Amino acid sequence: MIIRKILNPNTILAVDEDKKEYVFFGKGIGYSRKIGQAVDDEEINRVFIPVDNRQIQEYLRLFDSIPAVYFDITQQIIKKAEKLLNTKLNTSLFFTLSDHLNFSIERHKNGLNILNRVFWEIKNYYPIEFSVGEYALKLLKKELGQILPQEEAANVAFHIINAQTIASSTSKGLEYAKLVGGISDIVKYELKMDFDREDVHYQRFITHLKFFVERYYEGKMITENDSSLFEQIAQLYPKALTVAFNVKDYIEIINDNKVTKEEVAYLTVHINRLMSNKKLNNR
């Protein structure tokens, strides 16, 4: 391997005898080096193999526009994440997260902090990844003196989730989390109520939603031949039933599968319980 370009003190672009380009990471690997020198394998901590020439050019443009400190911070974040998750993350995370952190700091300096609509879901469904996000915020404060809102921890966690090698399970979990968040938003909007997300009753409701969403996506929804339960619940909790049907409509608009009448009934019960506890707490 021969050095083609020194990107920063810890990162170099190298080329093999077949002219295939690689990005190598290693502490101090680019320090006091010159183009044309050979790469020592013992100095390499991580290798990024570009999928195609277009991709490597896109990533190289990032290096030209992002201060080196962000790459150093990102390396520390990835190291922390891989240790806590006990897995290797997709190497492209080094580039995408560095770019994200740089952009986040620029936005923050300009007073632009974007709302993360699945903050609570990521925080509770992916606690390890979220803790890495919090670690990232501490690093940014320590290295750059910038204090970002806690929501940014969820944004970093999102990148960690996407970079995990077992992509199918993590992407599925994130899809579940988004649907739970969407249902929760509809319930709050329809009831004209604002819920404390740390409240035990709200968390119980979210737990029900998590199991419901799992059943929905896995095709294991509750079904019964007897409609008496649904009819009884419809008479007892008409307001909650209306909300439940709005949730049903929402789910079926964004997905192909139908929601069974029995699931609507159980959802109605949990919505009514949430309403009742909210009213009791407000007395």
C-alpha atoms as a PDB file:
ATOM      1  CA  MET A   1       0.000   0.000   0.000  1.00  0.00           C
ATOM      2  CA  ILE A   2       1.300   3.421  -0.986  1.00  0.00           C
ATOM      3  CA  ILE A   3       0.141   6.736   0.480  1.00  0.00           C
ATOM      4  CA  ARG A   4      -1.705   8.818  -2.097  1.00  0.00           C
ATOM      5  CA  LYS A   5      -3.018  11.593   0.158  1.00  0.00           C
ATOM      6  CA  ILE A   6      -2.723  12.555   3.831  1.00  0.00           C
ATOM      7  CA  LEU A   7      -6.209  13.543   4.938  1.00  0.00           C
ATOM      8  CA  ASN A   8      -5.349  14.390   8.548  1.00  0.00           C
ATOM      9  CA  PRO A   9      -2.838  13.152  11.152  1.00  0.00           C
ATOM     10  CA  ASN A  10      -4.946  10.041  11.812  1.00  0.00           C
ATOM     11  CA  THR A  11      -6.273   9.296   8.319  1.00  0.00           C
ATOM     12  CA  ILE A  12      -4.677   8.640   4.947  1.00  0.00           C
ATOM     13  CA  LEU A  13      -5.763   7.671   1.455  1.00  0.00           C
ATOM     14  CA  ALA A  14      -3.718   4.793   0.057  1.00  0.00           C
ATOM     15  CA  VAL A  15      -3.684   2.779  -3.146  1.00  0.00           C
ATOM     16  CA  ASP A  16      -2.740  -0.839  -3.796  1.00  0.00           C
ATOM     17  CA  GLU A  17      -0.893  -2.316  -6.774  1.00  0.00           C
ATOM     18  CA  ASP A  18      -4.199  -2.629  -8.648  1.00  0.00           C
ATOM     19  CA  LYS A  19      -4.849   1.106  -8.186  1.00  0.00           C
ATOM     20  CA  LYS A  20      -7.735   0.410  -5.813  1.00  0.00           C
ATOM     21  CA  GLU A  21      -8.169   3.153  -3.232  1.00  0.00           C
ATOM     22  CA  TYR A  22      -8.501   2.620   0.506  1.00  0.00           C
ATOM     23  CA  VAL A  23      -8.918   4.934   3.454  1.00  0.00           C
ATOM     24  CA  PHE A  24      -6.870   3.917   6.480  1.00  0.00           C
ATOM     25  CA  PHE A  25      -7.409   5.055  10.053  1.00  0.00           C
ATOM     26  CA  GLY A  26      -4.809   4.877  12.806  1.00  0.00           C
ATOM     27  CA  LYS A  27      -3.595   7.190  15.525  1.00  0.00           C
ATOM     28  CA  GLY A  28      -0.771   9.286  14.077  1.00  0.00           C
ATOM     29  CA  ILE A  29      -0.723   7.288  10.832  1.00  0.00           C
ATOM     30  CA  GLY A  30      -0.502  10.474   8.768  1.00  0.00           C
ATOM     31  CA  TYR A  31       1.931  12.286  11.029  1.00  0.00           C
ATOM     32  CA  SER A  32       5.309  13.120   9.446  1.00  0.00           C
ATOM     33  CA  ARG A  33       4.433  11.045   6.378  1.00  0.00           C
ATOM     34  CA  LYS A  34       4.838  11.838   2.715  1.00  0.00           C
ATOM     35  CA  ILE A  35       2.933  10.909  -0.398  1.00  0.00           C
ATOM     36  CA  GLY A  36       4.470   7.817  -1.970  1.00  0.00           C
ATOM     37  CA  GLN A  37       5.562   6.177   1.282  1.00  0.00           C
ATOM     38  CA  ALA A  38       4.481   2.630   2.148  1.00  0.00           C
ATOM     39  CA  VAL A  39       1.844   1.971   4.829  1.00  0.00           C
ATOM     40  CA  ASP A  40       2.842  -0.077   7.883  1.00  0.00           C
ATOM     41  CA  ASP A  41       0.075  -2.604   8.683  1.00  0.00           C
ATOM     42  CA  GLU A  42       0.771  -2.370  12.423  1.00  0.00           C
ATOM     43  CA  GLU A  43      -0.332   1.270  12.434  1.00  0.00           C
ATOM     44  CA  ILE A  44      -3.751   0.591  10.928  1.00  0.00           C
ATOM     45  CA  ASN A  45      -6.768   0.445  13.265  1.00  0.00           C
ATOM     46  CA  ARG A  46      -9.522   0.423  10.657  1.00  0.00           C
ATOM     47  CA  VAL A  47      -9.797   0.084   6.910  1.00  0.00           C
ATOM     48  CA  PHE A  48     -12.499   1.604   4.751  1.00  0.00           C
ATOM     49  CA  ILE A  49     -12.933  -0.004   1.344  1.00  0.00           C
ATOM     50  CA  PRO A  50     -14.952   2.230  -0.987  1.00  0.00           C
ATOM     51  CA  VAL A  51     -17.727   0.543  -2.916  1.00  0.00           C
ATOM     52  CA  ASP A  52     -16.917   2.475  -6.062  1.00  0.00           C
ATOM     53  CA  ASN A  53     -14.897   5.435  -7.256  1.00  0.00           C
ATOM     54  CA  ARG A  54     -17.863   7.805  -6.982  1.00  0.00           C
ATOM     55  CA  GLN A  55     -18.279   6.990  -3.313  1.00  0.00           C
ATOM     56  CA  ILE A  56     -14.627   7.582  -2.470  1.00  0.00           C
ATOM     57  CA  GLN A  57     -14.745  10.972  -4.184  1.00  0.00           C
ATOM     58  CA  GLU A  58     -17.830  11.959  -2.184  1.00  0.00           C
ATOM     59  CA  TYR A  59     -16.133  11.007   1.066  1.00  0.00           C
ATOM     60  CA  LEU A  60     -12.919  12.756   0.117  1.00  0.00           C
ATOM     61  CA  ARG A  61     -14.875  15.953  -0.460  1.00  0.00           C
ATOM     62  CA  LEU A  62     -16.068  15.648   3.127  1.00  0.00           C
ATOM     63  CA  PHE A  63     -12.489  15.645   4.339  1.00  0.00           C
ATOM     64  CA  ASP A  64     -11.815  18.873   2.493  1.00  0.00           C
ATOM     65  CA  SER A  65     -14.791  20.635   4.088  1.00  0.00           C
ATOM     66  CA  ILE A  66     -14.776  19.273   7.660  1.00  0.00           C
ATOM     67  CA  PRO A  67     -12.278  20.335  10.355  1.00  0.00           C
ATOM     68  CA  ALA A  68     -10.043  17.450  11.479  1.00  0.00           C
ATOM     69  CA  VAL A  69     -11.266  17.704  15.077  1.00  0.00           C
ATOM     70  CA  TYR A  70     -14.611  16.184  14.054  1.00  0.00           C
ATOM     71  CA  PHE A  71     -12.922  13.085  12.691  1.00  0.00           C
ATOM     72  CA  ASP A  72     -11.007  12.684  15.943  1.00  0.00           C
ATOM     73  CA  ILE A  73     -14.223  13.057  17.968  1.00  0.00           C
ATOM     74  CA  THR A  74     -16.028  10.595  15.712  1.00  0.00           C
ATOM     75  CA  GLN A  75     -13.287   7.996  16.166  1.00  0.00           C
ATOM     76  CA  GLN A  76     -13.741   8.237  19.938  1.00  0.00           C
ATOM     77  CA  ILE A  77     -17.519   7.896  19.582  1.00  0.00           C
ATOM     78  CA  ILE A  78     -17.213   4.820  17.357  1.00  0.00           C
ATOM     79  CA  LYS A  79     -14.727   3.214  19.729  1.00  0.00           C
ATOM     80  CA  LYS A  80     -17.126   3.764  22.639  1.00  0.00           C
ATOM     81  CA  ALA A  81     -20.105   2.429  20.675  1.00  0.00           C
ATOM     82  CA  GLU A  82     -18.339  -0.718  19.495  1.00  0.00           C
ATOM     83  CA  LYS A  83     -17.200  -1.468  23.029  1.00  0.00           C
ATOM     84  CA  LEU A  84     -20.667  -1.044  24.562  1.00  0.00           C
ATOM     85  CA  LEU A  85     -22.476  -2.861  21.743  1.00  0.00           C
ATOM     86  CA  ASN A  86     -19.776  -5.523  21.376  1.00  0.00           C
ATOM     87  CA  THR A  87     -19.974  -5.292  17.592  1.00  0.00           C
ATOM     88  CA  LYS A  88     -18.196  -3.706  14.647  1.00  0.00           C
ATOM     89  CA  LEU A  89     -20.018  -0.813  13.048  1.00  0.00           C
ATOM     90  CA  ASN A  90     -20.182  -0.061   9.347  1.00  0.00           C
ATOM     91  CA  THR A  91     -17.045   1.882   8.492  1.00  0.00           C
ATOM     92  CA  SER A  92     -18.977   4.502   6.537  1.00  0.00           C
ATOM     93  CA  LEU A  93     -20.185   5.769   9.931  1.00  0.00           C
ATOM     94  CA  PHE A  94     -16.825   7.510  10.287  1.00  0.00           C
ATOM     95  CA  PHE A  95     -17.699   9.783   7.377  1.00  0.00           C
ATOM     96  CA  THR A  96     -21.431  10.222   7.867  1.00  0.00           C
ATOM     97  CA  LEU A  97     -21.204  10.947  11.595  1.00  0.00           C
ATOM     98  CA  SER A  98     -18.294  13.372  11.160  1.00  0.00           C
ATOM     99  CA  ASP A  99     -20.337  15.246   8.573  1.00  0.00           C
ATOM    100  CA  HIS A 100     -23.394  15.209  10.843  1.00  0.00           C
ATOM    101  CA  LEU A 101     -21.503  16.553  13.871  1.00  0.00           C
ATOM    102  CA  ASN A 102     -19.966  19.355  11.837  1.00  0.00           C
ATOM    103  CA  PHE A 103     -23.363  20.342  10.447  1.00  0.00           C
ATOM    104  CA  SER A 104     -25.010  20.112  13.888  1.00  0.00           C
ATOM    105  CA  ILE A 105     -22.486  22.504  15.404  1.00  0.00           C
ATOM    106  CA  GLU A 106     -22.941  24.931  12.501  1.00  0.00           C
ATOM    107  CA  ARG A 107     -26.724  24.849  12.957  1.00  0.00           C
ATOM    108  CA  HIS A 108     -26.399  25.306  16.713  1.00  0.00           C
ATOM    109  CA  LYS A 109     -24.153  28.343  16.307  1.00  0.00           C
ATOM    110  CA  ASN A 110     -26.817  29.853  14.066  1.00  0.00           C
ATOM    111  CA  GLY A 111     -29.572  29.106  16.570  1.00  0.00           C
ATOM    112  CA  LEU A 112     -31.119  26.314  14.496  1.00  0.00           C
ATOM    113  CA  ASN A 113     -31.868  23.181  16.510  1.00  0.00           C
ATOM    114  CA  ILE A 114     -34.053  20.692  14.624  1.00  0.00           C
ATOM    115  CA  LEU A 115     -36.706  18.767  16.556  1.00  0.00           C
ATOM    116  CA  ASN A 116     -36.209  14.980  16.671  1.00  0.00           C
ATOM    117  CA  ARG A 117     -39.705  13.490  16.470  1.00  0.00           C
ATOM    118  CA  VAL A 118     -38.604  10.048  17.693  1.00  0.00           C
ATOM    119  CA  PHE A 119     -36.385  11.280  20.543  1.00  0.00           C
ATOM    120  CA  TRP A 120     -38.337   9.510  23.277  1.00  0.00           C
ATOM    121  CA  GLU A 121     -38.614   6.276  21.292  1.00  0.00           C
ATOM    122  CA  ILE A 122     -34.883   6.135  20.534  1.00  0.00           C
ATOM    123  CA  LYS A 123     -34.011   6.993  24.133  1.00  0.00           C
ATOM    124  CA  ASN A 124     -36.164   4.166  25.484  1.00  0.00           C
ATOM    125  CA  TYR A 125     -35.795   1.511  22.756  1.00  0.00           C
ATOM    126  CA  TYR A 126     -32.067   1.966  22.193  1.00  0.00           C
ATOM    127  CA  PRO A 127     -30.614   2.919  25.593  1.00  0.00           C
ATOM    128  CA  ILE A 128     -27.060   1.827  24.707  1.00  0.00           C
ATOM    129  CA  GLU A 129     -26.988   3.791  21.470  1.00  0.00           C
ATOM    130  CA  PHE A 130     -28.548   6.762  23.261  1.00  0.00           C
ATOM    131  CA  SER A 131     -25.851   6.611  25.954  1.00  0.00           C
ATOM    132  CA  VAL A 132     -23.272   6.815  23.157  1.00  0.00           C
ATOM    133  CA  GLY A 133     -25.109   9.897  21.922  1.00  0.00           C
ATOM    134  CA  GLU A 134     -24.830  11.445  25.382  1.00  0.00           C
ATOM    135  CA  TYR A 135     -21.131  10.580  25.387  1.00  0.00           C
ATOM    136  CA  ALA A 136     -20.840  12.406  22.054  1.00  0.00           C
ATOM    137  CA  LEU A 137     -22.403  15.535  23.571  1.00  0.00           C
ATOM    138  CA  LYS A 138     -19.839  15.454  26.386  1.00  0.00           C
ATOM    139  CA  LEU A 139     -17.005  15.166  23.864  1.00  0.00           C
ATOM    140  CA  LEU A 140     -18.322  18.100  21.845  1.00  0.00           C
ATOM    141  CA  LYS A 141     -18.530  20.181  25.004  1.00  0.00           C
ATOM    142  CA  LYS A 142     -15.030  19.159  26.097  1.00  0.00           C
ATOM    143  CA  GLU A 143     -13.307  19.529  22.723  1.00  0.00           C
ATOM    144  CA  LEU A 144     -15.245  22.438  21.207  1.00  0.00           C
ATOM    145  CA  GLY A 145     -16.957  24.118  24.147  1.00  0.00           C
ATOM    146  CA  GLN A 146     -20.325  23.652  22.432  1.00  0.00           C
ATOM    147  CA  ILE A 147     -23.348  22.535  24.465  1.00  0.00           C
ATOM    148  CA  LEU A 148     -25.923  20.886  22.213  1.00  0.00           C
ATOM    149  CA  PRO A 149     -29.494  20.037  23.300  1.00  0.00           C
ATOM    150  CA  GLN A 150     -30.105  16.488  24.532  1.00  0.00           C
ATOM    151  CA  GLU A 151     -32.114  15.733  21.402  1.00  0.00           C
ATOM    152  CA  GLU A 152     -28.820  15.664  19.529  1.00  0.00           C
ATOM    153  CA  ALA A 153     -27.925  12.534  21.521  1.00  0.00           C
ATOM    154  CA  ALA A 154     -30.820  10.797  19.770  1.00  0.00           C
ATOM    155  CA  ASN A 155     -29.554  12.002  16.390  1.00  0.00           C
ATOM    156  CA  VAL A 156     -26.141  10.468  17.080  1.00  0.00           C
ATOM    157  CA  ALA A 157     -27.837   7.296  18.330  1.00  0.00           C
ATOM    158  CA  PHE A 158     -29.759   7.136  15.048  1.00  0.00           C
ATOM    159  CA  HIS A 159     -26.456   7.042  13.133  1.00  0.00           C
ATOM    160  CA  ILE A 160     -25.162   4.297  15.447  1.00  0.00           C
ATOM    161  CA  ILE A 161     -28.333   2.259  14.923  1.00  0.00           C
ATOM    162  CA  ASN A 162     -28.037   2.503  11.147  1.00  0.00           C
ATOM    163  CA  ALA A 163     -24.370   1.529  11.225  1.00  0.00           C
ATOM    164  CA  GLN A 164     -24.827  -1.736  13.068  1.00  0.00           C
ATOM    165  CA  THR A 165     -23.937  -4.767  11.008  1.00  0.00           C
ATOM    166  CA  ILE A 166     -27.162  -6.617  11.841  1.00  0.00           C
ATOM    167  CA  ALA A 167     -29.093  -4.109   9.770  1.00  0.00           C
ATOM    168  CA  SER A 168     -32.318  -6.043   9.493  1.00  0.00           C
ATOM    169  CA  SER A 169     -33.119  -6.175  13.199  1.00  0.00           C
ATOM    170  CA  THR A 170     -32.082  -2.611  13.958  1.00  0.00           C
ATOM    171  CA  SER A 171     -33.917  -1.070  11.022  1.00  0.00           C
ATOM    172  CA  LYS A 172     -36.990  -3.098  11.964  1.00  0.00           C
ATOM    173  CA  GLY A 173     -36.780  -1.818  15.519  1.00  0.00           C
ATOM    174  CA  LEU A 174     -36.532   1.758  14.311  1.00  0.00           C
ATOM    175  CA  GLU A 175     -39.557   1.242  12.066  1.00  0.00           C
ATOM    176  CA  TYR A 176     -41.483  -0.038  15.092  1.00  0.00           C
ATOM    177  CA  ALA A 177     -40.353   2.967  17.138  1.00  0.00           C
ATOM    178  CA  LYS A 178     -41.532   5.423  14.487  1.00  0.00           C
ATOM    179  CA  LEU A 179     -44.977   3.831  14.348  1.00  0.00           C
ATOM    180  CA  VAL A 180     -45.290   3.886  18.140  1.00  0.00           C
ATOM    181  CA  GLY A 181     -44.348   7.573  18.088  1.00  0.00           C
ATOM    182  CA  GLY A 182     -46.893   8.295  15.357  1.00  0.00           C
ATOM    183  CA  ILE A 183     -49.692   6.530  17.237  1.00  0.00           C
ATOM    184  CA  SER A 184     -48.794   8.363  20.436  1.00  0.00           C
ATOM    185  CA  ASP A 185     -48.927  11.723  18.636  1.00  0.00           C
ATOM    186  CA  ILE A 186     -52.381  10.940  17.229  1.00  0.00           C
ATOM    187  CA  VAL A 187     -53.727   9.952  20.646  1.00  0.00           C
ATOM    188  CA  LYS A 188     -52.427  13.155  22.229  1.00  0.00           C
ATOM    189  CA  TYR A 189     -53.842  15.255  19.401  1.00  0.00           C
ATOM    190  CA  GLU A 190     -57.270  13.602  19.450  1.00  0.00           C
ATOM    191  CA  LEU A 191     -57.580  13.779  23.238  1.00  0.00           C
ATOM    192  CA  LYS A 192     -56.214  17.342  23.397  1.00  0.00           C
ATOM    193  CA  MET A 193     -54.047  16.154  26.281  1.00  0.00           C
ATOM    194  CA  ASP A 194     -50.350  16.523  26.990  1.00  0.00           C
ATOM    195  CA  PHE A 195     -48.812  13.558  28.819  1.00  0.00           C
ATOM    196  CA  ASP A 196     -45.751  13.367  31.029  1.00  0.00           C
ATOM    197  CA  ARG A 197     -43.560  10.818  29.260  1.00  0.00           C
ATOM    198  CA  GLU A 198     -42.024   9.779  32.560  1.00  0.00           C
ATOM    199  CA  ASP A 199     -45.460   9.088  34.054  1.00  0.00           C
ATOM    200  CA  VAL A 200     -46.028   5.414  34.888  1.00  0.00           C
ATOM    201  CA  HIS A 201     -49.454   5.377  33.217  1.00  0.00           C
ATOM    202  CA  TYR A 202     -48.116   6.823  29.988  1.00  0.00           C
ATOM    203  CA  GLN A 203     -45.237   4.355  29.982  1.00  0.00           C
ATOM    204  CA  ARG A 204     -47.694   1.507  30.508  1.00  0.00           C
ATOM    205  CA  PHE A 205     -49.619   2.765  27.485  1.00  0.00           C
ATOM    206  CA  ILE A 206     -46.425   2.910  25.415  1.00  0.00           C
ATOM    207  CA  THR A 207     -45.579  -0.638  26.488  1.00  0.00           C
ATOM    208  CA  HIS A 208     -48.945  -1.777  25.141  1.00  0.00           C
ATOM    209  CA  LEU A 209     -48.270   0.069  21.885  1.00  0.00           C
ATOM    210  CA  LYS A 210     -44.887  -1.623  21.541  1.00  0.00           C
ATOM    211  CA  PHE A 211     -46.436  -5.078  21.816  1.00  0.00           C
ATOM    212  CA  PHE A 212     -49.280  -4.082  19.507  1.00  0.00           C
ATOM    213  CA  VAL A 213     -46.872  -2.787  16.847  1.00  0.00           C
ATOM    214  CA  GLU A 214     -44.800  -5.967  17.080  1.00  0.00           C
ATOM    215  CA  ARG A 215     -47.906  -8.085  16.565  1.00  0.00           C
ATOM    216  CA  TYR A 216     -48.974  -5.886  13.670  1.00  0.00           C
ATOM    217  CA  TYR A 217     -45.701  -6.077  11.756  1.00  0.00           C
ATOM    218  CA  GLU A 218     -45.224  -9.778  12.456  1.00  0.00           C
ATOM    219  CA  GLY A 219     -48.747 -10.689  11.363  1.00  0.00           C
ATOM    220  CA  LYS A 220     -49.767 -11.975  14.798  1.00  0.00           C
ATOM    221  CA  MET A 221     -52.667  -9.685  15.606  1.00  0.00           C
ATOM    222  CA  ILE A 222     -55.370 -10.778  18.012  1.00  0.00           C
ATOM    223  CA  THR A 223     -58.447 -12.180  16.273  1.00  0.00           C
ATOM    224  CA  GLU A 224     -61.628 -13.643  17.765  1.00  0.00           C
ATOM    225  CA  ASN A 225     -64.834 -15.005  16.255  1.00  0.00           C
ATOM    226  CA  ASP A 226     -66.974 -13.568  19.042  1.00  0.00           C
ATOM    227  CA  SER A 227     -67.723  -9.867  18.483  1.00  0.00           C
ATOM    228  CA  SER A 228     -69.396  -9.365  21.866  1.00  0.00           C
ATOM    229  CA  LEU A 229     -66.220  -8.006  23.480  1.00  0.00           C
ATOM    230  CA  PHE A 230     -65.850  -5.330  20.815  1.00  0.00           C
ATOM    231  CA  GLU A 231     -69.506  -4.318  21.106  1.00  0.00           C
ATOM    232  CA  GLN A 232     -69.270  -4.093  24.884  1.00  0.00           C
ATOM    233  CA  ILE A 233     -66.148  -1.929  24.752  1.00  0.00           C
ATOM    234  CA  ALA A 234     -67.727   0.272  22.081  1.00  0.00           C
ATOM    235  CA  GLN A 235     -70.650   1.019  24.403  1.00  0.00           C
ATOM    236  CA  LEU A 236     -68.482   1.630  27.460  1.00  0.00           C
ATOM    237  CA  TYR A 237     -65.782   3.830  25.902  1.00  0.00           C
ATOM    238  CA  PRO A 238     -67.161   5.640  22.816  1.00  0.00           C
ATOM    239  CA  LYS A 239     -64.649   8.509  22.925  1.00  0.00           C
ATOM    240  CA  ALA A 240     -61.654   6.210  23.259  1.00  0.00           C
ATOM    241  CA  LEU A 241     -63.070   4.036  20.479  1.00  0.00           C
ATOM    242  CA  THR A 242     -63.197   7.011  18.115  1.00  0.00           C
ATOM    243  CA  VAL A 243     -59.530   7.724  18.835  1.00  0.00           C
ATOM    244  CA  ALA A 244     -58.661   4.048  18.326  1.00  0.00           C
ATOM    245  CA  PHE A 245     -60.350   4.042  14.918  1.00  0.00           C
ATOM    246  CA  ASN A 246     -58.391   7.151  13.936  1.00  0.00           C
ATOM    247  CA  VAL A 247     -55.230   5.285  14.904  1.00  0.00           C
ATOM    248  CA  LYS A 248     -56.394   2.323  12.822  1.00  0.00           C
ATOM    249  CA  ASP A 249     -56.961   4.577   9.798  1.00  0.00           C
ATOM    250  CA  TYR A 250     -53.521   6.139  10.225  1.00  0.00           C
ATOM    251  CA  ILE A 251     -51.775   2.762  10.364  1.00  0.00           C
ATOM    252  CA  GLU A 252     -53.605   1.414   7.346  1.00  0.00           C
ATOM    253  CA  ILE A 253     -52.802   4.524   5.298  1.00  0.00           C
ATOM    254  CA  ILE A 254     -49.047   4.135   5.776  1.00  0.00           C
ATOM    255  CA  ASN A 255     -48.975   0.310   5.724  1.00  0.00           C
ATOM    256  CA  ASP A 256     -50.618  -2.443   3.708  1.00  0.00           C
ATOM    257  CA  ASN A 257     -51.896  -4.669   6.520  1.00  0.00           C
ATOM    258  CA  LYS A 258     -55.284  -4.161   8.149  1.00  0.00           C
ATOM    259  CA  VAL A 259     -55.780  -3.762  11.900  1.00  0.00           C
ATOM    260  CA  THR A 260     -58.229  -6.294  13.341  1.00  0.00           C
ATOM    261  CA  LYS A 261     -61.353  -5.257  15.213  1.00  0.00           C
ATOM    262  CA  GLU A 262     -60.070  -7.067  18.299  1.00  0.00           C
ATOM    263  CA  GLU A 263     -56.866  -5.029  18.300  1.00  0.00           C
ATOM    264  CA  VAL A 264     -58.947  -1.858  18.013  1.00  0.00           C
ATOM    265  CA  ALA A 265     -60.923  -2.997  21.054  1.00  0.00           C
ATOM    266  CA  TYR A 266     -57.820  -3.594  23.175  1.00  0.00           C
ATOM    267  CA  LEU A 267     -56.334  -0.309  22.013  1.00  0.00           C
ATOM    268  CA  THR A 268     -59.571   1.398  23.066  1.00  0.00           C
ATOM    269  CA  VAL A 269     -59.259  -0.032  26.569  1.00  0.00           C
ATOM    270  CA  HIS A 270     -55.721   1.275  26.956  1.00  0.00           C
ATOM    271  CA  ILE A 271     -56.598   4.706  25.556  1.00  0.00           C
ATOM    272  CA  ASN A 272     -59.504   4.960  27.988  1.00  0.00           C
ATOM    273  CA  ARG A 273     -57.245   3.966  30.886  1.00  0.00           C
ATOM    274  CA  LEU A 274     -54.797   6.670  29.849  1.00  0.00           C
ATOM    275  CA  MET A 275     -57.628   9.230  29.703  1.00  0.00           C
ATOM    276  CA  SER A 276     -58.981   8.199  33.109  1.00  0.00           C
ATOM    277  CA  ASN A 277     -55.629   8.389  34.866  1.00  0.00           C
ATOM    278  CA  LYS A 278     -54.928  11.776  33.319  1.00  0.00           C
ATOM    279  CA  LYS A 279     -58.240  13.131  34.618  1.00  0.00           C
ATOM    280  CA  LEU A 280     -57.575  11.723  38.110  1.00  0.00           C
ATOM    281  CA  ASN A 281     -54.140  13.328  38.221  1.00  0.00           C
ATOM    282  CA  ASN A 282     -55.592  16.708  37.238  1.00  0.00           C
ATOM    283  CA  ARG A 283     -58.095  16.805  40.086  1.00  0.00           C
END
